[in-house]
Amino acid sequence: MCQQQLVQLQENLDLFNELDADIYAISTDTPDNSKRLKEAGAFTFTFLSDLDYIVLEHVKMKNDNMSYRGISILDRDGNYVYHQVNDLWGDQMEATKNIIYDQFDSLNE
């Protein structure tokens, strides 16, 4: 996981307060590495370790034997809705927020 992107997300979590959604950081790091990173950064959102690429493949973020960086959205039932590969999503938080809100709006139509 790119710690800089995670810090950007943590600092901007308030942008997503209006969404009825859970936010996760998903990586292929071991559970112990994910836990250490979460604790070291005092992150308040959930970290998910996906060593077998099950979730990453489901959200179309698997890249051979690694994962893409970006955003993915699932609906309430866990169905894939949207993804965007973007190494800079955290540096572009306002644009990221707009994409996520647009996708949530389309779910509610």
PDB file of N, CA and C in Angstrom:
ATOM      1  N   MET A   1       0.842  -1.177   0.000  1.00  0.00           N
ATOM      2  CA  MET A   1       0.000   0.000   0.000  1.00  0.00           C
ATOM      3  C   MET A   1       0.881   1.230   0.000  1.00  0.00           C
ATOM      4  N   CYS A   2       0.459   2.230  -0.676  1.00  0.00           N
ATOM      5  CA  CYS A   2       1.187   3.483  -0.692  1.00  0.00           C
ATOM      6  C   CYS A   2       0.741   4.327   0.509  1.00  0.00           C
ATOM      7  N   GLN A   3       1.638   4.488   1.457  1.00  0.00           N
ATOM      8  CA  GLN A   3       1.268   5.167   2.694  1.00  0.00           C
ATOM      9  C   GLN A   3       0.832   6.601   2.446  1.00  0.00           C
ATOM     10  N   GLN A   4       1.441   7.277   1.476  1.00  0.00           N
ATOM     11  CA  GLN A   4       1.057   8.664   1.189  1.00  0.00           C
ATOM     12  C   GLN A   4      -0.417   8.760   0.787  1.00  0.00           C
ATOM     13  N   GLN A   5      -0.891   7.829  -0.029  1.00  0.00           N
ATOM     14  CA  GLN A   5      -2.292   7.835  -0.453  1.00  0.00           C
ATOM     15  C   GLN A   5      -3.213   7.573   0.733  1.00  0.00           C
ATOM     16  N   LEU A   6      -2.781   6.672   1.611  1.00  0.00           N
ATOM     17  CA  LEU A   6      -3.586   6.363   2.793  1.00  0.00           C
ATOM     18  C   LEU A   6      -3.678   7.561   3.733  1.00  0.00           C
ATOM     19  N   VAL A   7      -2.582   8.285   3.867  1.00  0.00           N
ATOM     20  CA  VAL A   7      -2.586   9.499   4.692  1.00  0.00           C
ATOM     21  C   VAL A   7      -3.543  10.527   4.099  1.00  0.00           C
ATOM     22  N   GLN A   8      -3.508  10.679   2.788  1.00  0.00           N
ATOM     23  CA  GLN A   8      -4.425  11.616   2.119  1.00  0.00           C
ATOM     24  C   GLN A   8      -5.877  11.233   2.387  1.00  0.00           C
ATOM     25  N   LEU A   9      -6.163   9.937   2.308  1.00  0.00           N
ATOM     26  CA  LEU A   9      -7.520   9.478   2.578  1.00  0.00           C
ATOM     27  C   LEU A   9      -7.905   9.787   4.020  1.00  0.00           C
ATOM     28  N   GLN A  10      -7.037   9.452   4.960  1.00  0.00           N
ATOM     29  CA  GLN A  10      -7.338   9.703   6.371  1.00  0.00           C
ATOM     30  C   GLN A  10      -7.611  11.188   6.617  1.00  0.00           C
ATOM     31  N   GLU A  11      -6.792  12.043   6.029  1.00  0.00           N
ATOM     32  CA  GLU A  11      -6.938  13.486   6.225  1.00  0.00           C
ATOM     33  C   GLU A  11      -8.196  14.038   5.580  1.00  0.00           C
ATOM     34  N   ASN A  12      -8.771  13.288   4.656  1.00  0.00           N
ATOM     35  CA  ASN A  12      -9.948  13.771   3.925  1.00  0.00           C
ATOM     36  C   ASN A  12     -11.183  12.895   4.112  1.00  0.00           C
ATOM     37  N   LEU A  13     -11.186  12.068   5.134  1.00  0.00           N
ATOM     38  CA  LEU A  13     -12.334  11.191   5.363  1.00  0.00           C
ATOM     39  C   LEU A  13     -13.642  11.965   5.491  1.00  0.00           C
ATOM     40  N   ASP A  14     -13.577  13.187   5.988  1.00  0.00           N
ATOM     41  CA  ASP A  14     -14.790  13.987   6.156  1.00  0.00           C
ATOM     42  C   ASP A  14     -15.487  14.257   4.830  1.00  0.00           C
ATOM     43  N   LEU A  15     -14.768  14.154   3.712  1.00  0.00           N
ATOM     44  CA  LEU A  15     -15.393  14.346   2.395  1.00  0.00           C
ATOM     45  C   LEU A  15     -16.442  13.275   2.110  1.00  0.00           C
ATOM     46  N   PHE A  16     -16.363  12.157   2.817  1.00  0.00           N
ATOM     47  CA  PHE A  16     -17.234  11.021   2.550  1.00  0.00           C
ATOM     48  C   PHE A  16     -18.273  10.801   3.642  1.00  0.00           C
ATOM     49  N   ASN A  17     -18.402  11.754   4.551  1.00  0.00           N
ATOM     50  CA  ASN A  17     -19.345  11.622   5.669  1.00  0.00           C
ATOM     51  C   ASN A  17     -20.791  11.444   5.218  1.00  0.00           C
ATOM     52  N   GLU A  18     -21.148  12.031   4.096  1.00  0.00           N
ATOM     53  CA  GLU A  18     -22.534  11.968   3.635  1.00  0.00           C
ATOM     54  C   GLU A  18     -22.885  10.629   2.985  1.00  0.00           C
ATOM     55  N   LEU A  19     -21.890   9.822   2.698  1.00  0.00           N
ATOM     56  CA  LEU A  19     -22.135   8.527   2.068  1.00  0.00           C
ATOM     57  C   LEU A  19     -22.472   7.486   3.123  1.00  0.00           C
ATOM     58  N   ASP A  20     -23.403   6.638   2.797  1.00  0.00           N
ATOM     59  CA  ASP A  20     -23.696   5.485   3.637  1.00  0.00           C
ATOM     60  C   ASP A  20     -22.822   4.346   3.102  1.00  0.00           C
ATOM     61  N   ALA A  21     -21.530   4.410   3.490  1.00  0.00           N
ATOM     62  CA  ALA A  21     -20.566   3.471   2.920  1.00  0.00           C
ATOM     63  C   ALA A  21     -19.463   3.164   3.922  1.00  0.00           C
ATOM     64  N   ASP A  22     -18.837   2.028   3.726  1.00  0.00           N
ATOM     65  CA  ASP A  22     -17.656   1.655   4.485  1.00  0.00           C
ATOM     66  C   ASP A  22     -16.446   1.841   3.585  1.00  0.00           C
ATOM     67  N   ILE A  23     -15.362   2.295   4.165  1.00  0.00           N
ATOM     68  CA  ILE A  23     -14.135   2.528   3.417  1.00  0.00           C
ATOM     69  C   ILE A  23     -13.091   1.520   3.883  1.00  0.00           C
ATOM     70  N   TYR A  24     -12.437   0.897   2.905  1.00  0.00           N
ATOM     71  CA  TYR A  24     -11.417  -0.100   3.177  1.00  0.00           C
ATOM     72  C   TYR A  24     -10.160   0.203   2.381  1.00  0.00           C
ATOM     73  N   ALA A  25      -9.034  -0.136   2.951  1.00  0.00           N
ATOM     74  CA  ALA A  25      -7.773  -0.188   2.212  1.00  0.00           C
ATOM     75  C   ALA A  25      -7.491  -1.673   2.005  1.00  0.00           C
ATOM     76  N   ILE A  26      -7.361  -2.069   0.752  1.00  0.00           N
ATOM     77  CA  ILE A  26      -7.158  -3.484   0.430  1.00  0.00           C
ATOM     78  C   ILE A  26      -5.788  -3.644  -0.204  1.00  0.00           C
ATOM     79  N   SER A  27      -5.035  -4.617   0.282  1.00  0.00           N
ATOM     80  CA  SER A  27      -3.720  -4.872  -0.297  1.00  0.00           C
ATOM     81  C   SER A  27      -3.374  -6.346  -0.187  1.00  0.00           C
ATOM     82  N   THR A  28      -2.264  -6.702  -0.791  1.00  0.00           N
ATOM     83  CA  THR A  28      -1.763  -8.067  -0.714  1.00  0.00           C
ATOM     84  C   THR A  28      -0.726  -8.200   0.397  1.00  0.00           C
ATOM     85  N   ASP A  29      -0.609  -7.188   1.232  1.00  0.00           N
ATOM     86  CA  ASP A  29       0.266  -7.277   2.402  1.00  0.00           C
ATOM     87  C   ASP A  29      -0.266  -8.352   3.344  1.00  0.00           C
ATOM     88  N   THR A  30       0.606  -8.909   4.156  1.00  0.00           N
ATOM     89  CA  THR A  30       0.165  -9.865   5.159  1.00  0.00           C
ATOM     90  C   THR A  30      -0.710  -9.151   6.186  1.00  0.00           C
ATOM     91  N   PRO A  31      -1.547  -9.885   6.885  1.00  0.00           N
ATOM     92  CA  PRO A  31      -2.345  -9.249   7.929  1.00  0.00           C
ATOM     93  C   PRO A  31      -1.477  -8.523   8.974  1.00  0.00           C
ATOM     94  N   ASP A  32      -0.341  -9.102   9.340  1.00  0.00           N
ATOM     95  CA  ASP A  32       0.538  -8.450  10.315  1.00  0.00           C
ATOM     96  C   ASP A  32       1.095  -7.133   9.784  1.00  0.00           C
ATOM     97  N   ASN A  33       1.522  -7.111   8.516  1.00  0.00           N
ATOM     98  CA  ASN A  33       2.027  -5.863   7.921  1.00  0.00           C
ATOM     99  C   ASN A  33       0.929  -4.815   7.837  1.00  0.00           C
ATOM    100  N   SER A  34      -0.267  -5.239   7.448  1.00  0.00           N
ATOM    101  CA  SER A  34      -1.389  -4.301   7.366  1.00  0.00           C
ATOM    102  C   SER A  34      -1.714  -3.722   8.738  1.00  0.00           C
ATOM    103  N   LYS A  35      -1.702  -4.577   9.743  1.00  0.00           N
ATOM    104  CA  LYS A  35      -1.997  -4.128  11.105  1.00  0.00           C
ATOM    105  C   LYS A  35      -0.953  -3.128  11.584  1.00  0.00           C
ATOM    106  N   ARG A  36       0.321  -3.422  11.322  1.00  0.00           N
ATOM    107  CA  ARG A  36       1.396  -2.496  11.733  1.00  0.00           C
ATOM    108  C   ARG A  36       1.252  -1.152  11.040  1.00  0.00           C
ATOM    109  N   LEU A  37       0.971  -1.169   9.743  1.00  0.00           N
ATOM    110  CA  LEU A  37       0.807   0.078   9.008  1.00  0.00           C
ATOM    111  C   LEU A  37      -0.384   0.866   9.529  1.00  0.00           C
ATOM    112  N   LYS A  38      -1.490   0.190   9.754  1.00  0.00           N
ATOM    113  CA  LYS A  38      -2.689   0.856  10.270  1.00  0.00           C
ATOM    114  C   LYS A  38      -2.413   1.505  11.620  1.00  0.00           C
ATOM    115  N   GLU A  39      -1.769   0.769  12.496  1.00  0.00           N
ATOM    116  CA  GLU A  39      -1.481   1.299  13.830  1.00  0.00           C
ATOM    117  C   GLU A  39      -0.456   2.427  13.785  1.00  0.00           C
ATOM    118  N   ALA A  40       0.574   2.282  12.961  1.00  0.00           N
ATOM    119  CA  ALA A  40       1.618   3.310  12.874  1.00  0.00           C
ATOM    120  C   ALA A  40       1.064   4.622  12.333  1.00  0.00           C
ATOM    121  N   GLY A  41       0.099   4.517  11.416  1.00  0.00           N
ATOM    122  CA  GLY A  41      -0.480   5.718  10.825  1.00  0.00           C
ATOM    123  C   GLY A  41      -1.718   6.209  11.537  1.00  0.00           C
ATOM    124  N   ALA A  42      -2.158   5.487  12.554  1.00  0.00           N
ATOM    125  CA  ALA A  42      -3.379   5.833  13.293  1.00  0.00           C
ATOM    126  C   ALA A  42      -4.568   6.001  12.348  1.00  0.00           C
ATOM    127  N   PHE A  43      -4.655   5.104  11.374  1.00  0.00           N
ATOM    128  CA  PHE A  43      -5.750   5.152  10.410  1.00  0.00           C
ATOM    129  C   PHE A  43      -7.030   4.635  11.061  1.00  0.00           C
ATOM    130  N   THR A  44      -8.142   5.259  10.740  1.00  0.00           N
ATOM    131  CA  THR A  44      -9.414   4.889  11.355  1.00  0.00           C
ATOM    132  C   THR A  44     -10.293   4.036  10.455  1.00  0.00           C
ATOM    133  N   PHE A  45      -9.912   3.848   9.218  1.00  0.00           N
ATOM    134  CA  PHE A  45     -10.679   2.987   8.321  1.00  0.00           C
ATOM    135  C   PHE A  45     -10.077   1.584   8.334  1.00  0.00           C
ATOM    136  N   THR A  46     -10.818   0.628   7.821  1.00  0.00           N
ATOM    137  CA  THR A  46     -10.450  -0.786   7.884  1.00  0.00           C
ATOM    138  C   THR A  46      -9.405  -1.140   6.832  1.00  0.00           C
ATOM    139  N   PHE A  47      -8.444  -1.950   7.231  1.00  0.00           N
ATOM    140  CA  PHE A  47      -7.458  -2.505   6.316  1.00  0.00           C
ATOM    141  C   PHE A  47      -7.812  -3.962   6.072  1.00  0.00           C
ATOM    142  N   LEU A  48      -7.766  -4.389   4.830  1.00  0.00           N
ATOM    143  CA  LEU A  48      -8.078  -5.754   4.458  1.00  0.00           C
ATOM    144  C   LEU A  48      -6.873  -6.359   3.746  1.00  0.00           C
ATOM    145  N   SER A  49      -6.433  -7.503   4.234  1.00  0.00           N
ATOM    146  CA  SER A  49      -5.337  -8.225   3.613  1.00  0.00           C
ATOM    147  C   SER A  49      -5.926  -9.267   2.665  1.00  0.00           C
ATOM    148  N   ASP A  50      -5.551  -9.193   1.397  1.00  0.00           N
ATOM    149  CA  ASP A  50      -6.099 -10.072   0.364  1.00  0.00           C
ATOM    150  C   ASP A  50      -4.960 -10.835  -0.313  1.00  0.00           C
ATOM    151  N   LEU A  51      -4.346 -11.729   0.433  1.00  0.00           N
ATOM    152  CA  LEU A  51      -3.179 -12.461  -0.062  1.00  0.00           C
ATOM    153  C   LEU A  51      -3.480 -13.314  -1.288  1.00  0.00           C
ATOM    154  N   ASP A  52      -4.709 -13.771  -1.425  1.00  0.00           N
ATOM    155  CA  ASP A  52      -5.085 -14.639  -2.536  1.00  0.00           C
ATOM    156  C   ASP A  52      -5.760 -13.893  -3.683  1.00  0.00           C
ATOM    157  N   TYR A  53      -5.810 -12.567  -3.618  1.00  0.00           N
ATOM    158  CA  TYR A  53      -6.367 -11.716  -4.686  1.00  0.00           C
ATOM    159  C   TYR A  53      -7.851 -11.954  -4.945  1.00  0.00           C
ATOM    160  N   ILE A  54      -8.559 -12.480  -4.002  1.00  0.00           N
ATOM    161  CA  ILE A  54      -9.975 -12.775  -4.211  1.00  0.00           C
ATOM    162  C   ILE A  54     -10.778 -11.493  -4.365  1.00  0.00           C
ATOM    163  N   VAL A  55     -10.632 -10.577  -3.425  1.00  0.00           N
ATOM    164  CA  VAL A  55     -11.358  -9.307  -3.495  1.00  0.00           C
ATOM    165  C   VAL A  55     -10.802  -8.447  -4.623  1.00  0.00           C
ATOM    166  N   LEU A  56      -9.491  -8.382  -4.731  1.00  0.00           N
ATOM    167  CA  LEU A  56      -8.881  -7.550  -5.779  1.00  0.00           C
ATOM    168  C   LEU A  56      -9.317  -7.994  -7.173  1.00  0.00           C
ATOM    169  N   GLU A  57      -9.435  -9.279  -7.385  1.00  0.00           N
ATOM    170  CA  GLU A  57      -9.922  -9.761  -8.678  1.00  0.00           C
ATOM    171  C   GLU A  57     -11.392  -9.392  -8.870  1.00  0.00           C
ATOM    172  N   HIS A  58     -12.187  -9.519  -7.815  1.00  0.00           N
ATOM    173  CA  HIS A  58     -13.614  -9.192  -7.876  1.00  0.00           C
ATOM    174  C   HIS A  58     -13.837  -7.711  -8.236  1.00  0.00           C
ATOM    175  N   VAL A  59     -12.981  -6.846  -7.718  1.00  0.00           N
ATOM    176  CA  VAL A  59     -13.152  -5.408  -7.986  1.00  0.00           C
ATOM    177  C   VAL A  59     -12.274  -4.926  -9.140  1.00  0.00           C
ATOM    178  N   LYS A  60     -11.734  -5.885  -9.896  1.00  0.00           N
ATOM    179  CA  LYS A  60     -10.964  -5.616 -11.112  1.00  0.00           C
ATOM    180  C   LYS A  60      -9.702  -4.788 -10.853  1.00  0.00           C
ATOM    181  N   MET A  61      -9.055  -5.058  -9.718  1.00  0.00           N
ATOM    182  CA  MET A  61      -7.831  -4.334  -9.363  1.00  0.00           C
ATOM    183  C   MET A  61      -6.622  -5.267  -9.252  1.00  0.00           C
ATOM    184  N   LYS A  62      -6.753  -6.496  -9.778  1.00  0.00           N
ATOM    185  CA  LYS A  62      -5.614  -7.417  -9.781  1.00  0.00           C
ATOM    186  C   LYS A  62      -4.780  -7.152 -11.022  1.00  0.00           C
ATOM    187  N   ASN A  63      -3.483  -7.069 -10.826  1.00  0.00           N
ATOM    188  CA  ASN A  63      -2.538  -6.827 -11.907  1.00  0.00           C
ATOM    189  C   ASN A  63      -1.468  -7.904 -11.815  1.00  0.00           C
ATOM    190  N   ASP A  64      -1.662  -9.007 -12.521  1.00  0.00           N
ATOM    191  CA  ASP A  64      -0.768 -10.162 -12.452  1.00  0.00           C
ATOM    192  C   ASP A  64      -0.586 -10.582 -10.992  1.00  0.00           C
ATOM    193  N   ASN A  65       0.623 -10.482 -10.485  1.00  0.00           N
ATOM    194  CA  ASN A  65       0.889 -10.890  -9.103  1.00  0.00           C
ATOM    195  C   ASN A  65       1.008  -9.691  -8.168  1.00  0.00           C
ATOM    196  N   MET A  66       0.289  -8.664  -8.449  1.00  0.00           N
ATOM    197  CA  MET A  66       0.242  -7.493  -7.582  1.00  0.00           C
ATOM    198  C   MET A  66      -1.128  -6.839  -7.742  1.00  0.00           C
ATOM    199  N   SER A  67      -1.309  -5.730  -7.092  1.00  0.00           N
ATOM    200  CA  SER A  67      -2.593  -5.032  -7.230  1.00  0.00           C
ATOM    201  C   SER A  67      -2.357  -3.649  -7.801  1.00  0.00           C
ATOM    202  N   TYR A  68      -3.361  -3.170  -8.519  1.00  0.00           N
ATOM    203  CA  TYR A  68      -3.346  -1.787  -8.962  1.00  0.00           C
ATOM    204  C   TYR A  68      -3.662  -0.897  -7.771  1.00  0.00           C
ATOM    205  N   ARG A  69      -3.298   0.358  -7.870  1.00  0.00           N
ATOM    206  CA  ARG A  69      -3.752   1.366  -6.915  1.00  0.00           C
ATOM    207  C   ARG A  69      -4.917   2.090  -7.561  1.00  0.00           C
ATOM    208  N   GLY A  70      -5.880   2.440  -6.745  1.00  0.00           N
ATOM    209  CA  GLY A  70      -7.026   3.164  -7.272  1.00  0.00           C
ATOM    210  C   GLY A  70      -8.212   3.014  -6.349  1.00  0.00           C
ATOM    211  N   ILE A  71      -9.393   3.135  -6.920  1.00  0.00           N
ATOM    212  CA  ILE A  71     -10.628   3.046  -6.144  1.00  0.00           C
ATOM    213  C   ILE A  71     -11.548   1.996  -6.762  1.00  0.00           C
ATOM    214  N   SER A  72     -12.327   1.372  -5.914  1.00  0.00           N
ATOM    215  CA  SER A  72     -13.336   0.410  -6.343  1.00  0.00           C
ATOM    216  C   SER A  72     -14.586   0.635  -5.512  1.00  0.00           C
ATOM    217  N   ILE A  73     -15.720   0.365  -6.123  1.00  0.00           N
ATOM    218  CA  ILE A  73     -16.996   0.526  -5.428  1.00  0.00           C
ATOM    219  C   ILE A  73     -17.807  -0.753  -5.598  1.00  0.00           C
ATOM    220  N   LEU A  74     -18.338  -1.214  -4.475  1.00  0.00           N
ATOM    221  CA  LEU A  74     -19.265  -2.336  -4.467  1.00  0.00           C
ATOM    222  C   LEU A  74     -20.596  -1.839  -3.934  1.00  0.00           C
ATOM    223  N   ASP A  75     -21.687  -2.471  -4.358  1.00  0.00           N
ATOM    224  CA  ASP A  75     -22.988  -2.091  -3.804  1.00  0.00           C
ATOM    225  C   ASP A  75     -23.193  -2.800  -2.467  1.00  0.00           C
ATOM    226  N   ARG A  76     -24.347  -2.594  -1.867  1.00  0.00           N
ATOM    227  CA  ARG A  76     -24.641  -3.160  -0.535  1.00  0.00           C
ATOM    228  C   ARG A  76     -24.544  -4.682  -0.498  1.00  0.00           C
ATOM    229  N   ASP A  77     -24.767  -5.317  -1.656  1.00  0.00           N
ATOM    230  CA  ASP A  77     -24.737  -6.776  -1.724  1.00  0.00           C
ATOM    231  C   ASP A  77     -23.364  -7.321  -2.103  1.00  0.00           C
ATOM    232  N   GLY A  78     -22.381  -6.433  -2.248  1.00  0.00           N
ATOM    233  CA  GLY A  78     -21.033  -6.864  -2.600  1.00  0.00           C
ATOM    234  C   GLY A  78     -20.809  -7.031  -4.086  1.00  0.00           C
ATOM    235  N   ASN A  79     -21.755  -6.560  -4.904  1.00  0.00           N
ATOM    236  CA  ASN A  79     -21.601  -6.639  -6.356  1.00  0.00           C
ATOM    237  C   ASN A  79     -20.698  -5.519  -6.846  1.00  0.00           C
ATOM    238  N   TYR A  80     -19.829  -5.849  -7.778  1.00  0.00           N
ATOM    239  CA  TYR A  80     -18.944  -4.868  -8.381  1.00  0.00           C
ATOM    240  C   TYR A  80     -19.762  -3.791  -9.087  1.00  0.00           C
ATOM    241  N   VAL A  81     -19.399  -2.533  -8.870  1.00  0.00           N
ATOM    242  CA  VAL A  81     -20.064  -1.408  -9.516  1.00  0.00           C
ATOM    243  C   VAL A  81     -19.091  -0.623 -10.393  1.00  0.00           C
ATOM    244  N   TYR A  82     -17.913  -0.331  -9.866  1.00  0.00           N
ATOM    245  CA  TYR A  82     -17.010   0.593 -10.560  1.00  0.00           C
ATOM    246  C   TYR A  82     -15.600   0.426 -10.019  1.00  0.00           C
ATOM    247  N   HIS A  83     -14.630   0.683 -10.894  1.00  0.00           N
ATOM    248  CA  HIS A  83     -13.247   0.808 -10.440  1.00  0.00           C
ATOM    249  C   HIS A  83     -12.522   1.807 -11.321  1.00  0.00           C
ATOM    250  N   GLN A  84     -11.470   2.352 -10.770  1.00  0.00           N
ATOM    251  CA  GLN A  84     -10.595   3.238 -11.527  1.00  0.00           C
ATOM    252  C   GLN A  84      -9.164   2.989 -11.061  1.00  0.00           C
ATOM    253  N   VAL A  85      -8.302   2.618 -11.987  1.00  0.00           N
ATOM    254  CA  VAL A  85      -6.885   2.477 -11.690  1.00  0.00           C
ATOM    255  C   VAL A  85      -6.288   3.879 -11.738  1.00  0.00           C
ATOM    256  N   ASN A  86      -5.660   4.275 -10.623  1.00  0.00           N
ATOM    257  CA  ASN A  86      -5.113   5.627 -10.546  1.00  0.00           C
ATOM    258  C   ASN A  86      -4.129   5.682  -9.392  1.00  0.00           C
ATOM    259  N   ASP A  87      -2.840   5.757  -9.708  1.00  0.00           N
ATOM    260  CA  ASP A  87      -1.818   5.830  -8.672  1.00  0.00           C
ATOM    261  C   ASP A  87      -1.895   7.109  -7.854  1.00  0.00           C
ATOM    262  N   LEU A  88      -2.557   8.114  -8.374  1.00  0.00           N
ATOM    263  CA  LEU A  88      -2.586   9.431  -7.720  1.00  0.00           C
ATOM    264  C   LEU A  88      -3.934   9.756  -7.099  1.00  0.00           C
ATOM    265  N   TRP A  89      -4.784   8.768  -6.879  1.00  0.00           N
ATOM    266  CA  TRP A  89      -6.139   9.047  -6.382  1.00  0.00           C
ATOM    267  C   TRP A  89      -6.115   9.841  -5.090  1.00  0.00           C
ATOM    268  N   GLY A  90      -5.152   9.613  -4.231  1.00  0.00           N
ATOM    269  CA  GLY A  90      -5.083  10.341  -2.966  1.00  0.00           C
ATOM    270  C   GLY A  90      -4.636  11.778  -3.134  1.00  0.00           C
ATOM    271  N   ASP A  91      -3.801  12.023  -4.129  1.00  0.00           N
ATOM    272  CA  ASP A  91      -3.361  13.389  -4.417  1.00  0.00           C
ATOM    273  C   ASP A  91      -4.442  14.183  -5.140  1.00  0.00           C
ATOM    274  N   GLN A  92      -5.419  13.482  -5.657  1.00  0.00           N
ATOM    275  CA  GLN A  92      -6.521  14.100  -6.398  1.00  0.00           C
ATOM    276  C   GLN A  92      -7.823  13.865  -5.645  1.00  0.00           C
ATOM    277  N   MET A  93      -7.815  14.155  -4.348  1.00  0.00           N
ATOM    278  CA  MET A  93      -8.919  13.770  -3.476  1.00  0.00           C
ATOM    279  C   MET A  93     -10.246  14.402  -3.872  1.00  0.00           C
ATOM    280  N   GLU A  94     -10.254  15.613  -4.316  1.00  0.00           N
ATOM    281  CA  GLU A  94     -11.517  16.242  -4.726  1.00  0.00           C
ATOM    282  C   GLU A  94     -12.095  15.521  -5.942  1.00  0.00           C
ATOM    283  N   ALA A  95     -11.264  15.203  -6.916  1.00  0.00           N
ATOM    284  CA  ALA A  95     -11.725  14.454  -8.091  1.00  0.00           C
ATOM    285  C   ALA A  95     -12.163  13.047  -7.699  1.00  0.00           C
ATOM    286  N   THR A  96     -11.428  12.420  -6.795  1.00  0.00           N
ATOM    287  CA  THR A  96     -11.794  11.095  -6.302  1.00  0.00           C
ATOM    288  C   THR A  96     -13.156  11.148  -5.628  1.00  0.00           C
ATOM    289  N   LYS A  97     -13.362  12.146  -4.791  1.00  0.00           N
ATOM    290  CA  LYS A  97     -14.649  12.319  -4.109  1.00  0.00           C
ATOM    291  C   LYS A  97     -15.776  12.458  -5.130  1.00  0.00           C
ATOM    292  N   ASN A  98     -15.571  13.273  -6.151  1.00  0.00           N
ATOM    293  CA  ASN A  98     -16.609  13.493  -7.167  1.00  0.00           C
ATOM    294  C   ASN A  98     -16.955  12.198  -7.902  1.00  0.00           C
ATOM    295  N   ILE A  99     -15.952  11.408  -8.231  1.00  0.00           N
ATOM    296  CA  ILE A  99     -16.196  10.128  -8.910  1.00  0.00           C
ATOM    297  C   ILE A  99     -17.025   9.214  -8.014  1.00  0.00           C
ATOM    298  N   ILE A 100     -16.632   9.119  -6.755  1.00  0.00           N
ATOM    299  CA  ILE A 100     -17.340   8.230  -5.826  1.00  0.00           C
ATOM    300  C   ILE A 100     -18.777   8.690  -5.624  1.00  0.00           C
ATOM    301  N   TYR A 101     -18.989   9.977  -5.431  1.00  0.00           N
ATOM    302  CA  TYR A 101     -20.349  10.478  -5.252  1.00  0.00           C
ATOM    303  C   TYR A 101     -21.189  10.263  -6.505  1.00  0.00           C
ATOM    304  N   ASP A 102     -20.599  10.462  -7.682  1.00  0.00           N
ATOM    305  CA  ASP A 102     -21.337  10.222  -8.930  1.00  0.00           C
ATOM    306  C   ASP A 102     -21.756   8.758  -9.040  1.00  0.00           C
ATOM    307  N   GLN A 103     -20.863   7.845  -8.686  1.00  0.00           N
ATOM    308  CA  GLN A 103     -21.189   6.427  -8.738  1.00  0.00           C
ATOM    309  C   GLN A 103     -22.274   6.063  -7.740  1.00  0.00           C
ATOM    310  N   PHE A 104     -22.212   6.644  -6.538  1.00  0.00           N
ATOM    311  CA  PHE A 104     -23.254   6.381  -5.538  1.00  0.00           C
ATOM    312  C   PHE A 104     -24.586   6.952  -5.999  1.00  0.00           C
ATOM    313  N   ASP A 105     -24.568   8.117  -6.617  1.00  0.00           N
ATOM    314  CA  ASP A 105     -25.812   8.698  -7.140  1.00  0.00           C
ATOM    315  C   ASP A 105     -26.424   7.783  -8.188  1.00  0.00           C
ATOM    316  N   SER A 106     -25.595   7.189  -9.061  1.00  0.00           N
ATOM    317  CA  SER A 106     -26.134   6.309 -10.098  1.00  0.00           C
ATOM    318  C   SER A 106     -26.695   5.021  -9.498  1.00  0.00           C
ATOM    319  N   LEU A 107     -26.198   4.597  -8.338  1.00  0.00           N
ATOM    320  CA  LEU A 107     -26.743   3.424  -7.662  1.00  0.00           C
ATOM    321  C   LEU A 107     -28.148   3.684  -7.138  1.00  0.00           C
ATOM    322  N   ASN A 108     -28.409   4.917  -6.771  1.00  0.00           N
ATOM    323  CA  ASN A 108     -29.679   5.274  -6.165  1.00  0.00           C
ATOM    324  C   ASN A 108     -30.735   5.742  -7.161  1.00  0.00           C
ATOM    325  N   GLU A 109     -30.423   5.690  -8.426  1.00  0.00           N
ATOM    326  CA  GLU A 109     -31.389   6.127  -9.448  1.00  0.00           C
ATOM    327  C   GLU A 109     -32.393   5.041  -9.752  1.00  0.00           C
TER     328      GLU A 109
END
